[in-house]
C-alpha atoms as a PDB file:
ATOM      1  CA  MET A   1      -0.398   0.234  -0.231  1.00  0.00           C
ATOM      2  CA  SER A   2       0.978   3.488  -0.427  1.00  0.00           C
ATOM      3  CA  ALA A   3      -0.301   7.212   0.523  1.00  0.00           C
ATOM      4  CA  ASP A   4      -2.172   9.402  -2.306  1.00  0.00           C
ATOM      5  CA  ALA A   5      -1.753  13.686  -1.331  1.00  0.00           C
ATOM      6  CA  PHE A   6      -4.689  13.200   1.209  1.00  0.00           C
ATOM      7  CA  GLY A   7      -2.752  10.480   3.485  1.00  0.00           C
ATOM      8  CA  ASP A   8      -5.591   7.879   2.491  1.00  0.00           C
ATOM      9  CA  ARG A   9      -3.970   4.629   1.886  1.00  0.00           C
ATOM     10  CA  THR A  10      -4.275   3.240  -1.868  1.00  0.00           C
ATOM     11  CA  PRO A  11      -3.769  -0.623  -2.828  1.00  0.00           C
ATOM     12  CA  ALA A  12      -0.134  -1.287  -4.619  1.00  0.00           C
ATOM     13  CA  ILE A  13      -1.969  -2.946  -7.868  1.00  0.00           C
ATOM     14  CA  THR A  14      -2.995   0.687  -8.516  1.00  0.00           C
ATOM     15  CA  LEU A  15       0.619   2.184  -9.578  1.00  0.00           C
ATOM     16  CA  VAL A  16       1.133  -0.381 -11.124  1.00  0.00           C
ATOM     17  CA  ARG A  17       1.640  -0.674 -15.816  1.00  0.00           C
ATOM     18  CA  GLU A  18       1.756  -2.815 -18.113  1.00  0.00           C
ATOM     19  CA  GLY A  19       6.086  -2.962 -18.839  1.00  0.00           C
ATOM     20  CA  MET A  20       7.079  -2.971 -15.781  1.00  0.00           C
ATOM     21  CA  PRO A  21       9.577  -5.556 -13.843  1.00  0.00           C
ATOM     22  CA  VAL A  22       8.517  -7.997 -11.402  1.00  0.00           C
ATOM     23  CA  VAL A  23      10.403  -9.116  -8.412  1.00  0.00           C
ATOM     24  CA  ASP A  24       8.953 -11.742  -6.068  1.00  0.00           C
ATOM     25  CA  VAL A  25      10.366 -10.429  -1.565  1.00  0.00           C
ATOM     26  CA  ASN A  26      13.379 -11.967  -1.859  1.00  0.00           C
ATOM     27  CA  GLY A  27      14.320  -9.887  -5.291  1.00  0.00           C
ATOM     28  CA  GLU A  28      14.599 -12.304  -7.508  1.00  0.00           C
ATOM     29  CA  LYS A  29      13.977 -11.134 -11.092  1.00  0.00           C
ATOM     30  CA  LEU A  30      10.603 -12.851 -12.146  1.00  0.00           C
ATOM     31  CA  GLY A  31       9.240 -10.845 -15.647  1.00  0.00           C
ATOM     32  CA  LYS A  32       7.338  -8.530 -17.171  1.00  0.00           C
ATOM     33  CA  VAL A  33       4.213  -7.106 -15.954  1.00  0.00           C
ATOM     34  CA  LYS A  34       1.399  -8.226 -18.980  1.00  0.00           C
ATOM     35  CA  ASP A  35      -1.557  -7.247 -18.119  1.00  0.00           C
ATOM     36  CA  VAL A  36      -2.755  -5.792 -14.983  1.00  0.00           C
ATOM     37  CA  ARG A  37      -6.889  -6.295 -13.603  1.00  0.00           C
ATOM     38  CA  LEU A  38      -7.896  -4.209 -10.251  1.00  0.00           C
ATOM     39  CA  GLY A  39     -10.984  -5.608  -8.645  1.00  0.00           C
ATOM     40  CA  ASP A  40     -13.356  -5.020  -6.220  1.00  0.00           C
ATOM     41  CA  PRO A  41     -12.285  -4.640  -2.865  1.00  0.00           C
ATOM     42  CA  GLY A  42     -15.311  -4.876  -1.487  1.00  0.00           C
ATOM     43  CA  ALA A  43     -16.824  -7.253  -2.996  1.00  0.00           C
ATOM     44  CA  VAL A  44     -17.473 -10.543  -0.818  1.00  0.00           C
ATOM     45  CA  THR A  45     -17.299 -12.937  -3.275  1.00  0.00           C
ATOM     46  CA  GLY A  46     -16.674 -13.374  -6.606  1.00  0.00           C
ATOM     47  CA  GLU A  47     -20.243 -13.256  -8.182  1.00  0.00           C
ATOM     48  CA  GLY A  48     -21.001  -9.877 -10.395  1.00  0.00           C
ATOM     49  CA  GLN A  49     -16.795  -9.986 -12.004  1.00  0.00           C
ATOM     50  CA  THR A  50     -16.919  -9.568 -14.755  1.00  0.00           C
ATOM     51  CA  PRO A  51     -15.537 -13.683 -15.823  1.00  0.00           C
ATOM     52  CA  VAL A  52     -11.847 -13.614 -16.629  1.00  0.00           C
ATOM     53  CA  ASP A  53     -11.216 -14.064 -20.766  1.00  0.00           C
ATOM     54  CA  ASP A  54     -10.280 -18.747 -21.582  1.00  0.00           C
ATOM     55  CA  ASP A  55      -6.664 -16.572 -21.449  1.00  0.00           C
ATOM     56  CA  GLY A  56      -6.924 -15.660 -18.238  1.00  0.00           C
ATOM     57  CA  PRO A  57      -5.075 -17.168 -15.073  1.00  0.00           C
ATOM     58  CA  PRO A  58      -6.611 -20.866 -14.567  1.00  0.00           C
ATOM     59  CA  ALA A  59      -9.831 -21.598 -13.390  1.00  0.00           C
ATOM     60  CA  SER A  60      -9.094 -23.065 -10.376  1.00  0.00           C
ATOM     61  CA  ALA A  61      -8.267 -18.977  -8.825  1.00  0.00           C
ATOM     62  CA  ALA A  62      -9.998 -16.578 -11.235  1.00  0.00           C
ATOM     63  CA  HIS A  63     -12.786 -15.869  -9.043  1.00  0.00           C
ATOM     64  CA  HIS A  64     -10.501 -15.553  -6.352  1.00  0.00           C
ATOM     65  CA  LEU A  65      -8.455 -12.733  -8.994  1.00  0.00           C
ATOM     66  CA  ALA A  66     -11.861 -11.302 -10.642  1.00  0.00           C
ATOM     67  CA  ARG A  67     -12.301  -9.778  -6.958  1.00  0.00           C
ATOM     68  CA  THR A  68      -8.700  -9.009  -5.665  1.00  0.00           C
ATOM     69  CA  GLY A  69      -7.362  -7.991  -9.241  1.00  0.00           C
ATOM     70  CA  TYR A  70      -4.376  -9.885 -10.318  1.00  0.00           C
ATOM     71  CA  LEU A  71      -1.208  -9.006 -11.592  1.00  0.00           C
ATOM     72  CA  ARG A  72       0.031 -11.622 -15.268  1.00  0.00           C
ATOM     73  CA  ILE A  73       3.374 -11.701 -14.987  1.00  0.00           C
ATOM     74  CA  HIS A  74       5.400 -12.872 -18.536  1.00  0.00           C
ATOM     75  CA  LYS A  75       8.392 -14.805 -18.202  1.00  0.00           C
ATOM     76  CA  GLY A  76       9.583 -14.376 -22.073  1.00  0.00           C
ATOM     77  CA  LEU A  77      10.008 -16.396 -24.535  1.00  0.00           C
ATOM     78  CA  PHE A  78       9.373 -19.756 -23.516  1.00  0.00           C
ATOM     79  CA  GLY A  79       8.588 -18.917 -19.319  1.00  0.00           C
ATOM     80  CA  GLY A  80       5.019 -19.548 -19.734  1.00  0.00           C
ATOM     81  CA  ASP A  81       2.792 -16.419 -17.994  1.00  0.00           C
ATOM     82  CA  SER A  82       2.095 -16.451 -14.415  1.00  0.00           C
ATOM     83  CA  TRP A  83      -0.270 -14.672 -11.913  1.00  0.00           C
ATOM     84  CA  VAL A  84      -0.409 -13.663  -8.486  1.00  0.00           C
ATOM     85  CA  SER A  85      -3.424 -11.744  -6.632  1.00  0.00           C
ATOM     86  CA  GLY A  86      -3.479  -7.742  -6.097  1.00  0.00           C
ATOM     87  CA  ASP A  87      -3.657  -8.593  -1.991  1.00  0.00           C
ATOM     88  CA  ASP A  88       0.237  -9.983  -3.328  1.00  0.00           C
ATOM     89  CA  VAL A  89       1.846  -6.793  -4.538  1.00  0.00           C
ATOM     90  CA  ALA A  90       3.437  -4.882  -1.772  1.00  0.00           C
ATOM     91  CA  SER A  91       4.951  -1.894  -3.464  1.00  0.00           C
ATOM     92  CA  VAL A  92       6.202  -0.255  -5.976  1.00  0.00           C
ATOM     93  CA  ASP A  93       9.104   1.769  -5.886  1.00  0.00           C
ATOM     94  CA  ASP A  94      11.003   5.136  -7.716  1.00  0.00           C
ATOM     95  CA  ASP A  95      12.253   3.148 -10.734  1.00  0.00           C
ATOM     96  CA  GLU A  96       9.191   1.477 -11.450  1.00  0.00           C
ATOM     97  CA  THR A  97       9.395  -2.401 -10.716  1.00  0.00           C
ATOM     98  CA  VAL A  98       6.901  -3.927  -8.601  1.00  0.00           C
ATOM     99  CA  HIS A  99       7.964  -5.541  -5.502  1.00  0.00           C
ATOM    100  CA  LEU A 100       5.486  -8.695  -4.477  1.00  0.00           C
ATOM    101  CA  SER A 101       4.911  -9.603  -0.566  1.00  0.00           C
ATOM    102  CA  ILE A 102       5.557 -13.252  -2.089  1.00  0.00           C
ATOM    103  CA  ASP A 103       8.314 -15.908  -3.508  1.00  0.00           C
ATOM    104  CA  GLU A 104       8.112 -17.292  -6.619  1.00  0.00           C
ATOM    105  CA  GLY A 105       7.166 -21.056  -5.409  1.00  0.00           C
ATOM    106  CA  ARG A 106       3.906 -18.892  -3.835  1.00  0.00           C
ATOM    107  CA  LEU A 107       2.630 -17.791  -8.176  1.00  0.00           C
ATOM    108  CA  ILE A 108      -0.351 -19.350  -9.571  1.00  0.00           C
ATOM    109  CA  ARG A 109       1.029 -20.648 -12.710  1.00  0.00           C
END
């Protein structure tokens, strides 16, 4: 989270843009942001959220990610894509690197 000009806490995912590099909690490079989807943090369930497309996260995580928002991380030509919940985006620093609060092993594939 970060604070806006009024001191209100803003979810870090709102600062993320496509193409930004992503690192895990240990500082390991994971790839670059391919897609950002903001969720509805006030929602109790995923009901009523816009369905995630067929090219989106695995069905087992789709409803949770639709509610929390997510980043799709691309790890190069042969690395494939992985997803992370908006809740796991810890911060975006001044050099526009996205820092996660989890390690690579907890990414959704």
